[in-house]
Amino acid sequence: MSVRVSLGLPVYNGENFIAEAIQSLLDQDFEDFELIITDNASTDRTAEICQSFAERDARICYFRNTRNLGAGGNFNRAFNLSCGTYFKWCAHDDLISANFLTDTVNALDEDADAVIAYPTLLGIDRYGAMTAYQERDLPNMRNLPPGSRFRILIAAHGCDAAMFGLWRRSSLVQTCLHEPYYGSDCALLAEMALLGKFVRVPSAILYSRDHPTRSVNLHSSERLLWHNQDASGSNPFELSSRLRHLLVIAYRHRRQAPVHHSLCHLALWMLDPPLIGRLVLEGVGAFSPRLRAKLRAIGLRALTSIQGSSNQPSRRI
């Protein structure tokens, strides 16, 4: 059975928020969708909660992995099990407005050159109360060539609104999907930008929940295992893995943007001193994790001191 929209909900031990997230999806005023839940071998009540919803709504398909595939593998499985013309990844701890699918579907229907329709992202706390956070919008891509769109996305260091927006399936199948390292979503968004533009849909709202167990709040070594259960070691090589991934993407889509243009954008991006510092730390960590930890601590103290004097928010390394 074909549907207009497939919703992929990858989850691992999500009993704390999964029921609210599913109900938010079922409350949509757009009904032609399937909800594919891929449970990454959870050990809490996630399976029980999801199966209860699936028994009550035929649009829900629940799949339980026999082993933990890591977040990247589980996100990819949700997409590979889907069949909709449009696709959206959903987080087990987020909520969306009731008009989300209607408005983002209309945006993609009306613009054949758009590959992602993304919402306004507002923050909520662990209890669902609104916070002051609102994610910054991406620049308008309406008349930009592929290379310029690629430059915007690699410099954006990710965009949750776009990541959890509505994607055109015919474009997404042309990508590498998620790779087994934390931050591969940033590279995936940059790859999609080479294939088409992103359009903002202000009326659609994504309520992004912040809480202590959210992946972005984990230590880098914990994030490594969260994204790839087969990984080992304390040096996650997050930035070098992303740079390698982006180089593959630049060559893979050389018909959309000349390779030398994409490489130029990548080189300019990597000239950012904090990024150079991160690459150096990852290189040092390959030989001496202890020295890497010491240098990282020194760098964080220096950066905090500099930013504190200029009253700027700290950046993570």
Protein backbone atom coordinates (compact mmCIF):
# COMPACT_ATOMS: atom_id res chain seq x y z
CA MET A 1 0.00 0.00 0.00
CA SER A 2 1.48 3.33 -1.08
CA VAL A 3 1.19 6.43 1.11
CA ARG A 4 2.08 10.08 0.60
CA VAL A 5 4.21 10.32 3.74
CA SER A 6 6.33 7.87 5.70
CA LEU A 7 7.30 8.77 9.25
CA GLY A 8 10.36 6.96 10.57
CA LEU A 9 10.70 6.87 14.36
CA PRO A 10 13.98 5.26 15.47
CA VAL A 11 14.17 4.75 19.23
CA TYR A 12 16.29 3.17 21.94
CA ASN A 13 15.09 3.07 25.54
CA GLY A 14 12.61 5.85 24.96
CA GLU A 15 9.94 5.01 27.52
CA ASN A 16 10.26 8.49 29.03
CA PHE A 17 8.83 10.39 26.02
CA ILE A 18 7.84 7.92 23.29
CA ALA A 19 4.09 7.92 24.06
CA GLU A 20 3.90 11.73 23.75
CA ALA A 21 5.88 11.66 20.51
CA ILE A 22 3.66 9.01 18.91
CA GLN A 23 0.47 10.79 19.99
CA SER A 24 1.79 14.03 18.48
CA LEU A 25 2.16 12.22 15.14
CA LEU A 26 -1.26 10.61 15.34
CA ASP A 27 -2.85 14.02 16.06
CA GLN A 28 -1.86 15.34 12.61
CA ASP A 29 -4.62 16.85 10.48
CA PHE A 30 -2.94 15.08 7.51
CA GLU A 31 -3.84 11.39 7.62
CA ASP A 32 -2.24 9.72 4.59
CA PHE A 33 0.88 8.47 6.33
CA GLU A 34 2.53 5.39 7.76
CA LEU A 35 4.49 5.41 11.01
CA ILE A 36 7.45 3.05 11.06
CA ILE A 37 8.97 2.54 14.51
CA THR A 38 12.38 0.86 14.60
CA ASP A 39 13.20 -0.16 18.15
CA ASN A 40 16.94 -0.58 18.61
CA ALA A 41 16.67 -3.56 21.02
CA SER A 42 15.42 -1.42 23.91
CA THR A 43 15.62 -2.85 27.42
CA ASP A 44 12.93 -0.67 29.01
CA ARG A 45 9.17 -0.41 28.35
CA THR A 46 9.58 1.02 24.84
CA ALA A 47 8.37 -2.18 23.11
CA GLU A 48 5.28 -2.43 25.30
CA ILE A 49 4.32 1.21 24.69
CA CYS A 50 4.85 1.04 20.92
CA GLN A 51 3.01 -2.26 20.51
CA SER A 52 0.06 -0.83 22.42
CA PHE A 53 -0.20 2.05 19.93
CA ALA A 54 0.26 -0.29 16.95
CA GLU A 55 -2.64 -2.45 18.11
CA ARG A 56 -4.93 0.59 18.04
CA ASP A 57 -3.83 2.22 14.75
CA ALA A 58 -3.20 0.27 11.53
CA ARG A 59 -0.92 3.03 10.21
CA ILE A 60 1.73 2.06 12.76
CA CYS A 61 4.30 -0.65 11.95
CA TYR A 62 6.55 -1.66 14.85
CA PHE A 63 9.88 -3.37 14.16
CA ARG A 64 12.24 -4.51 16.90
CA ASN A 65 15.89 -5.03 15.99
CA THR A 66 17.46 -8.25 17.29
CA ARG A 67 20.52 -6.22 18.29
CA ASN A 68 21.39 -2.57 18.72
CA LEU A 69 22.43 -1.25 15.30
CA GLY A 70 23.56 2.11 16.66
CA ALA A 71 21.63 5.29 16.00
CA GLY A 72 22.92 5.67 12.44
CA GLY A 73 21.97 2.15 11.42
CA ASN A 74 18.58 2.44 13.10
CA PHE A 75 17.80 5.75 11.35
CA ASN A 76 18.71 4.15 8.02
CA ARG A 77 16.55 1.10 8.72
CA ALA A 78 13.52 3.30 9.36
CA PHE A 79 13.97 4.87 5.94
CA ASN A 80 14.68 1.59 4.15
CA LEU A 81 11.43 0.10 5.50
CA SER A 82 9.38 3.05 4.23
CA CYS A 83 7.55 3.57 0.93
CA GLY A 84 6.10 7.10 1.04
CA THR A 85 6.65 9.79 -1.57
CA TYR A 86 7.89 12.00 1.26
CA PHE A 87 9.78 10.93 4.35
CA LYS A 88 10.33 12.39 7.81
CA TRP A 89 12.57 11.17 10.60
CA CYS A 90 11.01 11.69 14.02
CA ALA A 91 12.73 11.82 17.41
CA HIS A 92 11.23 9.91 20.32
CA ASP A 93 11.48 12.98 22.56
CA ASP A 94 10.14 15.69 20.23
CA LEU A 95 6.64 16.92 19.39
CA ILE A 96 5.21 18.56 16.25
CA SER A 97 2.28 20.88 15.62
CA ALA A 98 -0.93 19.34 14.27
CA ASN A 99 -0.51 21.12 10.91
CA PHE A 100 3.10 20.00 10.43
CA LEU A 101 2.53 17.39 7.72
CA THR A 102 -0.18 19.32 5.87
CA ASP A 103 1.95 22.43 5.52
CA THR A 104 5.26 20.71 4.69
CA VAL A 105 3.59 18.39 2.16
CA ASN A 106 2.05 21.42 0.46
CA ALA A 107 5.46 23.11 0.34
CA LEU A 108 7.10 20.16 -1.44
CA ASP A 109 4.10 19.67 -3.72
CA GLU A 110 4.33 23.29 -4.82
CA ASP A 111 8.09 23.35 -5.45
CA ALA A 112 9.58 20.48 -7.43
CA ASP A 113 13.11 21.82 -6.85
CA ALA A 114 12.80 21.60 -3.06
CA VAL A 115 14.21 18.49 -1.38
CA ILE A 116 13.47 19.37 2.26
CA ALA A 117 10.66 21.44 3.76
CA TYR A 118 11.72 22.44 7.24
CA PRO A 119 9.77 23.93 10.16
CA THR A 120 10.28 26.53 12.84
CA LEU A 121 12.13 24.85 15.71
CA LEU A 122 11.22 25.88 19.25
CA GLY A 123 12.66 24.48 22.46
CA ILE A 124 10.81 22.68 25.24
CA ASP A 125 12.15 21.27 28.50
CA ARG A 126 11.85 17.74 29.84
CA TYR A 127 8.35 18.52 31.11
CA GLY A 128 7.15 19.93 27.79
CA ALA A 129 7.22 23.58 28.90
CA MET A 130 8.41 26.14 26.34
CA THR A 131 11.94 27.47 26.70
CA ALA A 132 13.48 30.59 25.18
CA TYR A 133 15.38 28.58 22.55
CA GLN A 134 14.57 28.99 18.86
CA GLU A 135 16.86 27.59 16.20
CA ARG A 136 18.21 30.10 13.72
CA ASP A 137 16.77 29.84 10.21
CA LEU A 138 18.95 28.85 7.30
CA PRO A 139 19.66 31.46 4.61
CA ASN A 140 17.21 31.60 1.73
CA MET A 141 18.29 29.09 -0.93
CA ARG A 142 15.74 30.04 -3.57
CA ASN A 143 18.15 31.17 -6.31
CA LEU A 144 21.41 29.64 -5.11
CA PRO A 145 23.44 27.11 -7.14
CA PRO A 146 24.24 23.67 -5.61
CA GLY A 147 27.77 24.63 -4.54
CA SER A 148 26.53 27.62 -2.56
CA ARG A 149 23.88 25.51 -0.85
CA PHE A 150 26.59 22.98 0.03
CA ARG A 151 28.71 25.77 1.55
CA ILE A 152 25.80 26.94 3.72
CA LEU A 153 25.14 23.50 5.14
CA ILE A 154 28.73 22.55 5.95
CA ALA A 155 29.15 25.87 7.76
CA ALA A 156 25.86 25.46 9.63
CA HIS A 157 27.26 22.53 11.69
CA GLY A 158 23.88 20.87 11.37
CA CYS A 159 20.29 22.03 11.49
CA ASP A 160 17.78 20.05 13.55
CA ALA A 161 14.82 21.76 11.90
CA ALA A 162 15.94 20.48 8.49
CA MET A 163 17.04 17.10 9.84
CA PHE A 164 13.56 16.51 11.22
CA GLY A 165 11.75 18.24 8.38
CA LEU A 166 9.97 16.54 5.47
CA TRP A 167 12.29 15.05 2.83
CA ARG A 168 11.68 14.16 -0.81
CA ARG A 169 12.25 10.42 -1.07
CA SER A 170 13.49 10.50 -4.67
CA SER A 171 16.36 12.74 -3.53
CA LEU A 172 17.13 10.96 -0.28
CA VAL A 173 17.68 7.64 -2.08
CA GLN A 174 20.55 9.28 -3.98
CA THR A 175 22.52 9.92 -0.77
CA CYS A 176 24.85 7.86 1.41
CA LEU A 177 22.29 8.10 4.25
CA HIS A 178 23.77 8.07 7.77
CA GLU A 179 27.35 6.92 8.26
CA PRO A 180 28.46 5.24 11.53
CA TYR A 181 29.84 8.31 13.34
CA TYR A 182 28.27 11.08 15.40
CA GLY A 183 27.61 14.14 13.24
CA SER A 184 26.94 12.27 9.99
CA ASP A 185 23.55 14.01 9.87
CA CYS A 186 25.41 17.26 9.19
CA ALA A 187 27.09 15.70 6.17
CA LEU A 188 23.81 14.16 5.01
CA LEU A 189 22.15 17.59 5.04
CA ALA A 190 25.05 19.01 3.03
CA GLU A 191 24.60 16.18 0.52
CA MET A 192 20.88 16.91 0.21
CA ALA A 193 21.72 20.58 -0.39
CA LEU A 194 23.66 19.54 -3.49
CA LEU A 195 20.53 17.82 -4.79
CA GLY A 196 18.08 20.67 -4.23
CA LYS A 197 17.03 23.58 -2.09
CA PHE A 198 15.53 23.63 1.40
CA VAL A 199 12.34 25.63 1.90
CA ARG A 200 11.24 27.01 5.24
CA VAL A 201 7.65 26.47 6.37
CA PRO A 202 7.21 28.90 9.30
CA SER A 203 3.72 27.65 10.18
CA ALA A 204 4.95 24.11 10.89
CA ILE A 205 6.44 23.82 14.37
CA LEU A 206 8.93 21.30 15.73
CA TYR A 207 9.12 21.28 19.52
CA SER A 208 12.64 20.07 20.32
CA ARG A 209 12.98 18.69 23.83
CA ASP A 210 16.14 19.24 25.86
CA HIS A 211 16.90 16.77 28.65
CA PRO A 212 19.99 15.21 30.27
CA THR A 213 20.02 11.99 28.22
CA ARG A 214 19.74 13.72 24.85
CA SER A 215 22.60 12.66 22.55
CA VAL A 216 24.06 16.17 22.32
CA ASN A 217 24.48 16.17 26.11
CA LEU A 218 26.51 12.95 26.14
CA HIS A 219 30.31 12.78 26.37
CA SER A 220 31.99 12.29 22.99
CA SER A 221 32.98 8.68 23.77
CA GLU A 222 29.36 7.94 24.80
CA ARG A 223 28.09 9.55 21.59
CA LEU A 224 30.41 7.28 19.61
CA LEU A 225 28.79 4.15 21.07
CA TRP A 226 25.32 5.70 20.79
CA HIS A 227 25.82 6.11 17.05
CA ASN A 228 27.84 2.95 16.38
CA GLN A 229 27.66 0.03 18.81
CA ASP A 230 30.57 -1.70 17.07
CA ALA A 231 32.95 1.21 17.72
CA SER A 232 35.68 1.07 20.34
CA GLY A 233 38.13 3.47 21.94
CA SER A 234 37.85 6.90 23.52
CA ASN A 235 38.77 8.92 20.42
CA PRO A 236 35.58 9.22 18.32
CA PHE A 237 37.23 10.99 15.33
CA GLU A 238 33.97 12.91 14.82
CA LEU A 239 35.37 15.77 12.75
CA SER A 240 37.83 13.76 10.65
CA SER A 241 35.05 11.25 9.90
CA ARG A 242 32.77 14.06 8.79
CA LEU A 243 35.50 15.60 6.62
CA ARG A 244 36.11 12.23 4.95
CA HIS A 245 32.35 11.82 4.43
CA LEU A 246 32.08 15.28 2.88
CA LEU A 247 34.95 14.53 0.49
CA VAL A 248 33.12 11.40 -0.66
CA ILE A 249 29.95 13.44 -1.11
CA ALA A 250 31.75 16.12 -3.12
CA TYR A 251 33.04 13.51 -5.56
CA ARG A 252 29.80 11.51 -5.61
CA HIS A 253 27.79 14.56 -6.73
CA ARG A 254 30.35 16.16 -9.02
CA ARG A 255 27.67 16.52 -11.69
CA GLN A 256 25.65 18.79 -9.40
CA ALA A 257 28.67 20.90 -8.41
CA PRO A 258 32.23 20.76 -9.83
CA VAL A 259 34.55 18.95 -7.41
CA HIS A 260 37.03 21.84 -7.26
CA HIS A 261 34.23 24.19 -6.17
CA SER A 262 33.10 21.83 -3.40
CA LEU A 263 36.68 21.25 -2.26
CA CYS A 264 37.24 25.00 -2.12
CA HIS A 265 34.21 25.38 0.15
CA LEU A 266 35.47 22.56 2.36
CA ALA A 267 38.95 24.12 2.59
CA LEU A 268 37.53 27.50 3.60
CA TRP A 269 35.33 25.82 6.22
CA MET A 270 38.31 23.97 7.72
CA LEU A 271 40.30 27.21 8.11
CA ASP A 272 38.19 27.96 11.20
CA PRO A 273 40.73 27.79 14.11
CA PRO A 274 38.50 25.71 16.46
CA LEU A 275 38.03 23.14 13.69
CA ILE A 276 41.76 23.00 13.04
CA GLY A 277 42.23 22.48 16.79
CA ARG A 278 39.74 19.62 16.80
CA LEU A 279 41.50 17.90 13.91
CA VAL A 280 44.85 18.24 15.65
CA LEU A 281 43.38 16.79 18.86
CA GLU A 282 41.93 13.84 16.97
CA GLY A 283 45.33 13.21 15.36
CA VAL A 284 47.10 13.38 18.72
CA GLY A 285 44.48 11.09 20.22
CA ALA A 286 45.29 8.40 17.68
CA PHE A 287 48.69 8.02 19.38
CA SER A 288 48.07 9.24 22.93
CA PRO A 289 44.51 9.53 24.28
CA ARG A 290 45.90 10.87 27.57
CA LEU A 291 47.76 13.71 25.87
CA ARG A 292 44.66 14.47 23.82
CA ALA A 293 42.60 14.78 26.99
CA LYS A 294 45.15 17.13 28.57
CA LEU A 295 45.43 19.34 25.49
CA ARG A 296 41.65 19.42 25.13
CA ALA A 297 41.25 20.55 28.74
CA ILE A 298 43.84 23.31 28.24
CA GLY A 299 42.12 24.43 25.04
CA LEU A 300 38.69 24.51 26.67
CA ARG A 301 40.01 26.63 29.57
CA ALA A 302 41.67 29.07 27.18
CA LEU A 303 38.58 29.28 24.99
CA THR A 304 36.31 29.79 27.99
CA SER A 305 38.56 32.57 29.24
CA ILE A 306 38.61 34.34 25.87
CA GLN A 307 34.87 34.04 25.35
CA GLY A 308 34.13 35.02 28.90
CA SER A 309 36.02 38.28 28.45
CA SER A 310 34.06 39.02 25.28
CA ASN A 311 30.77 37.81 26.81
CA GLN A 312 30.28 35.27 24.02
CA PRO A 313 28.71 31.82 24.51
CA SER A 314 31.21 28.96 24.71
CA ARG A 315 31.74 26.61 21.81
CA ARG A 316 32.24 22.90 22.27
CA ILE A 317 35.44 21.32 20.99
